[in-house]
C-alpha atoms as a PDB file:
ATOM      1  CA  MET A   1      -2.408  -0.452  -0.368  1.00  0.00           C
ATOM      2  CA  ARG A   2      -0.697   2.923  -0.240  1.00  0.00           C
ATOM      3  CA  VAL A   3       2.871   3.342   1.041  1.00  0.00           C
ATOM      4  CA  LEU A   4       4.989   6.436   1.652  1.00  0.00           C
ATOM      5  CA  VAL A   5       8.767   5.976   1.516  1.00  0.00           C
ATOM      6  CA  ALA A   6      10.764   8.636   3.421  1.00  0.00           C
ATOM      7  CA  GLU A   7      14.430   8.090   2.563  1.00  0.00           C
ATOM      8  CA  ASP A   8      17.091  10.732   1.897  1.00  0.00           C
ATOM      9  CA  GLU A   9      19.422   8.424  -0.069  1.00  0.00           C
ATOM     10  CA  ARG A  10      17.842   8.980  -3.462  1.00  0.00           C
ATOM     11  CA  ASP A  11      19.174   5.846  -5.151  1.00  0.00           C
ATOM     12  CA  LEU A  12      17.931   3.677  -2.295  1.00  0.00           C
ATOM     13  CA  ALA A  13      14.594   5.506  -2.250  1.00  0.00           C
ATOM     14  CA  ALA A  14      14.163   4.825  -5.979  1.00  0.00           C
ATOM     15  CA  LEU A  15      15.008   1.137  -5.504  1.00  0.00           C
ATOM     16  CA  LEU A  16      12.560   0.855  -2.606  1.00  0.00           C
ATOM     17  CA  ALA A  17       9.791   2.482  -4.627  1.00  0.00           C
ATOM     18  CA  THR A  18      10.399   0.301  -7.674  1.00  0.00           C
ATOM     19  CA  GLY A  19      10.449  -2.914  -5.660  1.00  0.00           C
ATOM     20  CA  LEU A  20       7.348  -2.049  -3.653  1.00  0.00           C
ATOM     21  CA  ARG A  21       5.448  -1.094  -6.807  1.00  0.00           C
ATOM     22  CA  ARG A  22       6.369  -4.441  -8.345  1.00  0.00           C
ATOM     23  CA  ALA A  23       4.928  -6.060  -5.218  1.00  0.00           C
ATOM     24  CA  GLY A  24       1.635  -4.303  -5.974  1.00  0.00           C
ATOM     25  CA  PHE A  25       1.748  -1.255  -3.697  1.00  0.00           C
ATOM     26  CA  ALA A  26       0.962   2.344  -4.655  1.00  0.00           C
ATOM     27  CA  VAL A  27       4.115   4.219  -3.587  1.00  0.00           C
ATOM     28  CA  ASP A  28       5.087   7.862  -3.096  1.00  0.00           C
ATOM     29  CA  VAL A  29       8.609   9.013  -2.172  1.00  0.00           C
ATOM     30  CA  VAL A  30       9.919  11.948  -0.128  1.00  0.00           C
ATOM     31  CA  HIS A  31      13.477  12.753   0.892  1.00  0.00           C
ATOM     32  CA  ASP A  32      13.148  14.652   4.179  1.00  0.00           C
ATOM     33  CA  GLY A  33      11.052  14.553   7.323  1.00  0.00           C
ATOM     34  CA  GLY A  34       9.249  17.830   6.727  1.00  0.00           C
ATOM     35  CA  GLU A  35       7.996  16.699   3.324  1.00  0.00           C
ATOM     36  CA  ALA A  36       6.939  13.369   4.856  1.00  0.00           C
ATOM     37  CA  LEU A  37       4.612  15.136   7.300  1.00  0.00           C
ATOM     38  CA  GLU A  38       3.242  17.329   4.510  1.00  0.00           C
ATOM     39  CA  ARG A  39       2.351  14.258   2.417  1.00  0.00           C
ATOM     40  CA  LEU A  40       0.850  12.488   5.418  1.00  0.00           C
ATOM     41  CA  ASP A  41      -1.408  15.497   6.000  1.00  0.00           C
ATOM     42  CA  LEU A  42      -2.623  15.312   2.395  1.00  0.00           C
ATOM     43  CA  TYR A  43      -3.067  11.594   1.804  1.00  0.00           C
ATOM     44  CA  ALA A  44      -4.132   8.510   3.766  1.00  0.00           C
ATOM     45  CA  TYR A  45      -1.204   6.067   3.744  1.00  0.00           C
ATOM     46  CA  ASP A  46      -1.418   2.545   5.121  1.00  0.00           C
ATOM     47  CA  VAL A  47       2.313   2.312   5.883  1.00  0.00           C
ATOM     48  CA  LEU A  48       5.201   4.761   6.216  1.00  0.00           C
ATOM     49  CA  VAL A  49       8.644   3.304   5.474  1.00  0.00           C
ATOM     50  CA  LEU A  50      10.684   5.788   7.491  1.00  0.00           C
ATOM     51  CA  ASP A  51      14.438   6.249   7.419  1.00  0.00           C
ATOM     52  CA  ARG A  52      15.459   7.326  10.888  1.00  0.00           C
ATOM     53  CA  ASP A  53      18.251   9.742   9.929  1.00  0.00           C
ATOM     54  CA  LEU A  54      16.324  12.218   7.752  1.00  0.00           C
ATOM     55  CA  PRO A  55      17.298  15.849   7.041  1.00  0.00           C
ATOM     56  CA  ARG A  56      15.129  18.896   7.866  1.00  0.00           C
ATOM     57  CA  LEU A  57      13.100  16.891  10.393  1.00  0.00           C
ATOM     58  CA  HIS A  58      14.573  13.773  11.994  1.00  0.00           C
ATOM     59  CA  GLY A  59      12.717  10.485  11.521  1.00  0.00           C
ATOM     60  CA  ASP A  60      12.280  10.225  15.296  1.00  0.00           C
ATOM     61  CA  ASP A  61      10.363  13.510  15.283  1.00  0.00           C
ATOM     62  CA  VAL A  62       8.208  12.364  12.367  1.00  0.00           C
ATOM     63  CA  ALA A  63       7.280   9.221  14.340  1.00  0.00           C
ATOM     64  CA  ARG A  64       6.562  11.232  17.505  1.00  0.00           C
ATOM     65  CA  ARG A  65       4.241  13.636  15.677  1.00  0.00           C
ATOM     66  CA  LEU A  66       2.335  10.855  13.924  1.00  0.00           C
ATOM     67  CA  VAL A  67       1.781   9.013  17.187  1.00  0.00           C
ATOM     68  CA  ALA A  68       0.771  12.198  19.004  1.00  0.00           C
ATOM     69  CA  ALA A  69      -1.764  12.980  16.262  1.00  0.00           C
ATOM     70  CA  GLY A  70      -3.288   9.511  16.530  1.00  0.00           C
ATOM     71  CA  SER A  71      -2.500   8.714  12.893  1.00  0.00           C
ATOM     72  CA  PRO A  72      -3.648   5.252  11.702  1.00  0.00           C
ATOM     73  CA  THR A  73      -0.580   5.038   9.411  1.00  0.00           C
ATOM     74  CA  ARG A  74       1.715   2.195  10.477  1.00  0.00           C
ATOM     75  CA  ILE A  75       5.440   2.993  10.735  1.00  0.00           C
ATOM     76  CA  LEU A  76       8.247   0.722   9.551  1.00  0.00           C
ATOM     77  CA  MET A  77      11.465   2.393  10.663  1.00  0.00           C
ATOM     78  CA  LEU A  78      14.717   1.864   8.733  1.00  0.00           C
ATOM     79  CA  THR A  79      18.170   2.608  10.098  1.00  0.00           C
ATOM     80  CA  ALA A  80      21.803   1.870   9.359  1.00  0.00           C
ATOM     81  CA  SER A  81      22.208   0.732  12.953  1.00  0.00           C
ATOM     82  CA  SER A  82      20.743  -2.605  13.997  1.00  0.00           C
ATOM     83  CA  ALA A  83      21.938  -2.467  17.625  1.00  0.00           C
ATOM     84  CA  VAL A  84      19.380  -3.646  20.161  1.00  0.00           C
ATOM     85  CA  GLU A  85      19.239  -0.282  21.924  1.00  0.00           C
ATOM     86  CA  ASP A  86      18.463   1.479  18.631  1.00  0.00           C
ATOM     87  CA  ARG A  87      15.634  -0.953  17.890  1.00  0.00           C
ATOM     88  CA  VAL A  88      14.246  -0.385  21.372  1.00  0.00           C
ATOM     89  CA  ASP A  89      14.472   3.402  20.950  1.00  0.00           C
ATOM     90  CA  GLY A  90      12.669   3.251  17.602  1.00  0.00           C
ATOM     91  CA  LEU A  91       9.856   1.094  18.936  1.00  0.00           C
ATOM     92  CA  ASP A  92       9.527   3.262  22.034  1.00  0.00           C
ATOM     93  CA  LEU A  93       9.024   6.281  19.766  1.00  0.00           C
ATOM     94  CA  GLY A  94       5.936   4.594  18.349  1.00  0.00           C
ATOM     95  CA  ALA A  95       7.266   2.696  15.335  1.00  0.00           C
ATOM     96  CA  ASP A  96       5.294  -0.484  14.638  1.00  0.00           C
ATOM     97  CA  ASP A  97       8.288  -2.344  13.220  1.00  0.00           C
ATOM     98  CA  TYR A  98      12.023  -1.825  12.787  1.00  0.00           C
ATOM     99  CA  LEU A  99      14.450  -3.018  10.116  1.00  0.00           C
ATOM    100  CA  GLY A 100      18.194  -2.456  10.042  1.00  0.00           C
ATOM    101  CA  LYS A 101      20.165  -1.699   6.883  1.00  0.00           C
ATOM    102  CA  PRO A 102      21.194  -3.602   4.875  1.00  0.00           C
ATOM    103  CA  PHE A 103      18.096  -5.778   4.620  1.00  0.00           C
ATOM    104  CA  ASP A 104      16.654  -8.429   2.331  1.00  0.00           C
ATOM    105  CA  PHE A 105      13.966  -6.925   0.127  1.00  0.00           C
ATOM    106  CA  PRO A 106      11.526  -9.869   0.410  1.00  0.00           C
ATOM    107  CA  GLU A 107      11.592  -9.380   4.180  1.00  0.00           C
ATOM    108  CA  LEU A 108      10.777  -5.681   3.790  1.00  0.00           C
ATOM    109  CA  VAL A 109       7.801  -6.496   1.535  1.00  0.00           C
ATOM    110  CA  SER A 110       6.577  -9.133   3.993  1.00  0.00           C
ATOM    111  CA  ARG A 111       6.816  -6.706   6.914  1.00  0.00           C
ATOM    112  CA  VAL A 112       4.941  -3.987   5.005  1.00  0.00           C
ATOM    113  CA  ARG A 113       2.151  -6.445   4.206  1.00  0.00           C
ATOM    114  CA  ALA A 114       2.017  -7.554   7.847  1.00  0.00           C
ATOM    115  CA  LEU A 115       1.667  -3.940   8.999  1.00  0.00           C
ATOM    116  CA  ARG A 116      -1.213  -3.419   6.601  1.00  0.00           C
ATOM    117  CA  ARG A 117      -3.013  -6.390   8.142  1.00  0.00           C
ATOM    118  CA  ARG A 118      -2.529  -4.785  11.563  1.00  0.00           C
ATOM    119  CA  SER A 119      -3.971  -1.451  10.404  1.00  0.00           C
ATOM    120  CA  ALA A 120      -7.110   0.127  11.788  1.00  0.00           C
ATOM    121  CA  ARG A 121      -9.168  -1.391   8.980  1.00  0.00           C
ATOM    122  CA  PRO A 122     -10.981  -4.667   9.720  1.00  0.00           C
ATOM    123  CA  VAL A 123      -8.704  -7.698   9.528  1.00  0.00           C
ATOM    124  CA  LEU A 124      -9.441  -9.580   6.313  1.00  0.00           C
ATOM    125  CA  PRO A 125      -8.587 -13.178   5.436  1.00  0.00           C
ATOM    126  CA  PRO A 126      -5.629 -13.731   3.084  1.00  0.00           C
ATOM    127  CA  LEU A 127      -7.862 -15.758   0.743  1.00  0.00           C
ATOM    128  CA  LEU A 128     -10.839 -13.953  -0.810  1.00  0.00           C
ATOM    129  CA  GLU A 129     -13.410 -16.039  -2.691  1.00  0.00           C
ATOM    130  CA  ARG A 130     -16.543 -15.232  -4.651  1.00  0.00           C
ATOM    131  CA  ASP A 131     -18.403 -16.732  -7.629  1.00  0.00           C
ATOM    132  CA  GLY A 132     -15.591 -19.088  -8.620  1.00  0.00           C
ATOM    133  CA  LEU A 133     -12.987 -16.369  -8.095  1.00  0.00           C
ATOM    134  CA  LEU A 134     -10.151 -17.140  -5.664  1.00  0.00           C
ATOM    135  CA  VAL A 135      -7.689 -14.375  -4.754  1.00  0.00           C
ATOM    136  CA  ASP A 136      -4.639 -14.967  -2.577  1.00  0.00           C
ATOM    137  CA  THR A 137      -3.650 -11.554  -1.196  1.00  0.00           C
ATOM    138  CA  VAL A 138      -0.340 -12.838   0.190  1.00  0.00           C
ATOM    139  CA  ARG A 139       0.954 -14.612  -2.921  1.00  0.00           C
ATOM    140  CA  ARG A 140      -0.932 -12.079  -5.087  1.00  0.00           C
ATOM    141  CA  THR A 141      -2.476 -14.687  -7.355  1.00  0.00           C
ATOM    142  CA  ALA A 142      -5.981 -14.700  -8.819  1.00  0.00           C
ATOM    143  CA  VAL A 143      -7.799 -17.709 -10.270  1.00  0.00           C
ATOM    144  CA  ARG A 144     -11.288 -18.024 -11.714  1.00  0.00           C
ATOM    145  CA  ASP A 145     -12.749 -21.499 -12.133  1.00  0.00           C
ATOM    146  CA  GLY A 146      -9.231 -22.954 -12.134  1.00  0.00           C
ATOM    147  CA  ARG A 147      -7.908 -20.456 -14.708  1.00  0.00           C
ATOM    148  CA  ASP A 148      -4.932 -18.243 -13.777  1.00  0.00           C
ATOM    149  CA  LEU A 149      -5.926 -14.635 -14.513  1.00  0.00           C
ATOM    150  CA  ASP A 150      -2.361 -13.255 -14.898  1.00  0.00           C
ATOM    151  CA  LEU A 151      -3.265  -9.798 -13.564  1.00  0.00           C
ATOM    152  CA  SER A 152      -1.001  -6.766 -13.564  1.00  0.00           C
ATOM    153  CA  PRO A 153      -0.204  -5.300 -10.103  1.00  0.00           C
ATOM    154  CA  LYS A 154      -2.726  -2.500 -10.646  1.00  0.00           C
ATOM    155  CA  GLU A 155      -5.461  -4.868 -11.831  1.00  0.00           C
ATOM    156  CA  PHE A 156      -4.842  -7.100  -8.826  1.00  0.00           C
ATOM    157  CA  SER A 157      -5.079  -4.146  -6.411  1.00  0.00           C
ATOM    158  CA  VAL A 158      -8.382  -3.002  -7.922  1.00  0.00           C
ATOM    159  CA  LEU A 159      -9.824  -6.523  -7.802  1.00  0.00           C
ATOM    160  CA  GLN A 160      -8.723  -6.917  -4.178  1.00  0.00           C
ATOM    161  CA  LEU A 161     -10.383  -3.638  -3.201  1.00  0.00           C
ATOM    162  CA  LEU A 162     -13.639  -4.701  -4.860  1.00  0.00           C
ATOM    163  CA  LEU A 163     -13.580  -8.089  -3.135  1.00  0.00           C
ATOM    164  CA  GLU A 164     -12.822  -6.529   0.254  1.00  0.00           C
ATOM    165  CA  ALA A 165     -15.842  -4.237  -0.181  1.00  0.00           C
ATOM    166  CA  ASP A 166     -17.990  -7.425  -0.060  1.00  0.00           C
ATOM    167  CA  GLY A 167     -20.570  -6.277  -2.596  1.00  0.00           C
ATOM    168  CA  ALA A 168     -20.598  -2.600  -1.620  1.00  0.00           C
ATOM    169  CA  VAL A 169     -20.014   0.017  -4.296  1.00  0.00           C
ATOM    170  CA  VAL A 170     -16.473   1.434  -4.470  1.00  0.00           C
ATOM    171  CA  SER A 171     -16.166   4.835  -6.134  1.00  0.00           C
ATOM    172  CA  ALA A 172     -13.623   5.572  -8.845  1.00  0.00           C
ATOM    173  CA  GLU A 173     -12.211   8.248  -6.541  1.00  0.00           C
ATOM    174  CA  GLU A 174     -11.552   5.715  -3.763  1.00  0.00           C
ATOM    175  CA  LEU A 175      -9.961   3.270  -6.203  1.00  0.00           C
ATOM    176  CA  LEU A 176      -7.729   6.043  -7.519  1.00  0.00           C
ATOM    177  CA  GLU A 177      -6.746   7.101  -3.998  1.00  0.00           C
ATOM    178  CA  ARG A 178      -5.955   3.611  -2.729  1.00  0.00           C
ATOM    179  CA  ALA A 179      -4.473   1.870  -5.779  1.00  0.00           C
ATOM    180  CA  TRP A 180      -2.601   4.705  -7.511  1.00  0.00           C
ATOM    181  CA  ASP A 181       0.113   7.045  -6.198  1.00  0.00           C
ATOM    182  CA  ALA A 182      -0.106  10.798  -5.671  1.00  0.00           C
ATOM    183  CA  HIS A 183       0.967  11.546  -9.253  1.00  0.00           C
ATOM    184  CA  ALA A 184      -2.189   9.990 -10.719  1.00  0.00           C
ATOM    185  CA  ASP A 185      -4.326  12.587 -12.505  1.00  0.00           C
ATOM    186  CA  PRO A 186      -7.891  12.371 -11.113  1.00  0.00           C
ATOM    187  CA  PHE A 187      -9.253  13.587 -14.453  1.00  0.00           C
ATOM    188  CA  THR A 188      -7.733  10.769 -16.514  1.00  0.00           C
ATOM    189  CA  GLY A 189      -9.559   7.577 -17.427  1.00  0.00           C
ATOM    190  CA  ALA A 190      -7.016   5.428 -15.556  1.00  0.00           C
ATOM    191  CA  VAL A 191      -9.639   3.640 -13.455  1.00  0.00           C
ATOM    192  CA  ARG A 192     -11.963   3.108 -16.429  1.00  0.00           C
ATOM    193  CA  VAL A 193      -9.143   1.682 -18.589  1.00  0.00           C
ATOM    194  CA  CYS A 194      -7.929  -0.604 -15.782  1.00  0.00           C
ATOM    195  CA  MET A 195     -11.497  -1.786 -15.157  1.00  0.00           C
ATOM    196  CA  SER A 196     -11.964  -2.605 -18.842  1.00  0.00           C
ATOM    197  CA  LYS A 197      -8.803  -4.746 -18.896  1.00  0.00           C
ATOM    198  CA  LEU A 198      -9.751  -6.434 -15.629  1.00  0.00           C
ATOM    199  CA  ARG A 199     -13.209  -7.328 -16.934  1.00  0.00           C
ATOM    200  CA  ALA A 200     -11.686  -8.835 -20.061  1.00  0.00           C
ATOM    201  CA  LYS A 201      -9.357 -11.025 -18.017  1.00  0.00           C
ATOM    202  CA  LEU A 202     -12.131 -12.129 -15.656  1.00  0.00           C
ATOM    203  CA  GLY A 203     -14.174 -13.302 -18.640  1.00  0.00           C
ATOM    204  CA  GLU A 204     -17.819 -14.329 -18.768  1.00  0.00           C
ATOM    205  CA  PRO A 205     -20.182 -14.205 -17.044  1.00  0.00           C
ATOM    206  CA  GLY A 206     -19.270 -10.688 -15.987  1.00  0.00           C
ATOM    207  CA  LEU A 207     -18.583 -10.134 -12.286  1.00  0.00           C
ATOM    208  CA  ILE A 208     -18.036  -6.376 -12.042  1.00  0.00           C
ATOM    209  CA  ARG A 209     -21.008  -4.072 -12.422  1.00  0.00           C
ATOM    210  CA  THR A 210     -20.941  -0.333 -12.950  1.00  0.00           C
ATOM    211  CA  VAL A 211     -23.258   1.759 -10.792  1.00  0.00           C
ATOM    212  CA  GLN A 212     -23.713   4.841 -12.940  1.00  0.00           C
ATOM    213  CA  GLY A 213     -22.415   7.982 -11.290  1.00  0.00           C
ATOM    214  CA  VAL A 214     -21.419   6.083  -8.135  1.00  0.00           C
ATOM    215  CA  GLY A 215     -18.724   3.510  -8.842  1.00  0.00           C
ATOM    216  CA  TYR A 216     -18.164  -0.219  -9.204  1.00  0.00           C
ATOM    217  CA  ALA A 217     -19.227  -3.337  -7.313  1.00  0.00           C
ATOM    218  CA  LEU A 218     -18.385  -7.029  -7.482  1.00  0.00           C
END
């Protein structure tokens, strides 16, 4: 799941990014509304965590333009004001959810996950199961034949994407786009290295097959 954080308070933006990455999301950060729109034109984000009071281009205008363009990106609006009228204004602009500052971080993570489930992609069950493999996408746990796999956030994201593909081949390019942030070098072996570690943790018999020149399937 890919998230864009648009927050002009740099310390808060860094904390948001760190916490969301620990929760297993691929996160990019921008500090003004104009840069947010530029990133959204370049990459497909599942959720935009949008501070309302942004410089250069106000968060309200960012939301308006996304809605007008028919963007599938879900918007979680953040603001220092939690007054009812401000929440109503934010939702009327097209935001999908609204959270006042200060907020509890677990609630933010839960709301981001909920928005992803409401995205334009088909709704998928929270529990994914195949060949003795049980993955809980809410608690972010993975078990094979009763054995806890102890996956890293990146390994979990890749495994989830393969399971959600339901046997279809997923290209390395798609894995890189959806599980890594914008700073990932497409010419590195990041996907190959992650796949090697994931296969080792899954154990035998092997579940992930490589389709030469195309991608990976589970």
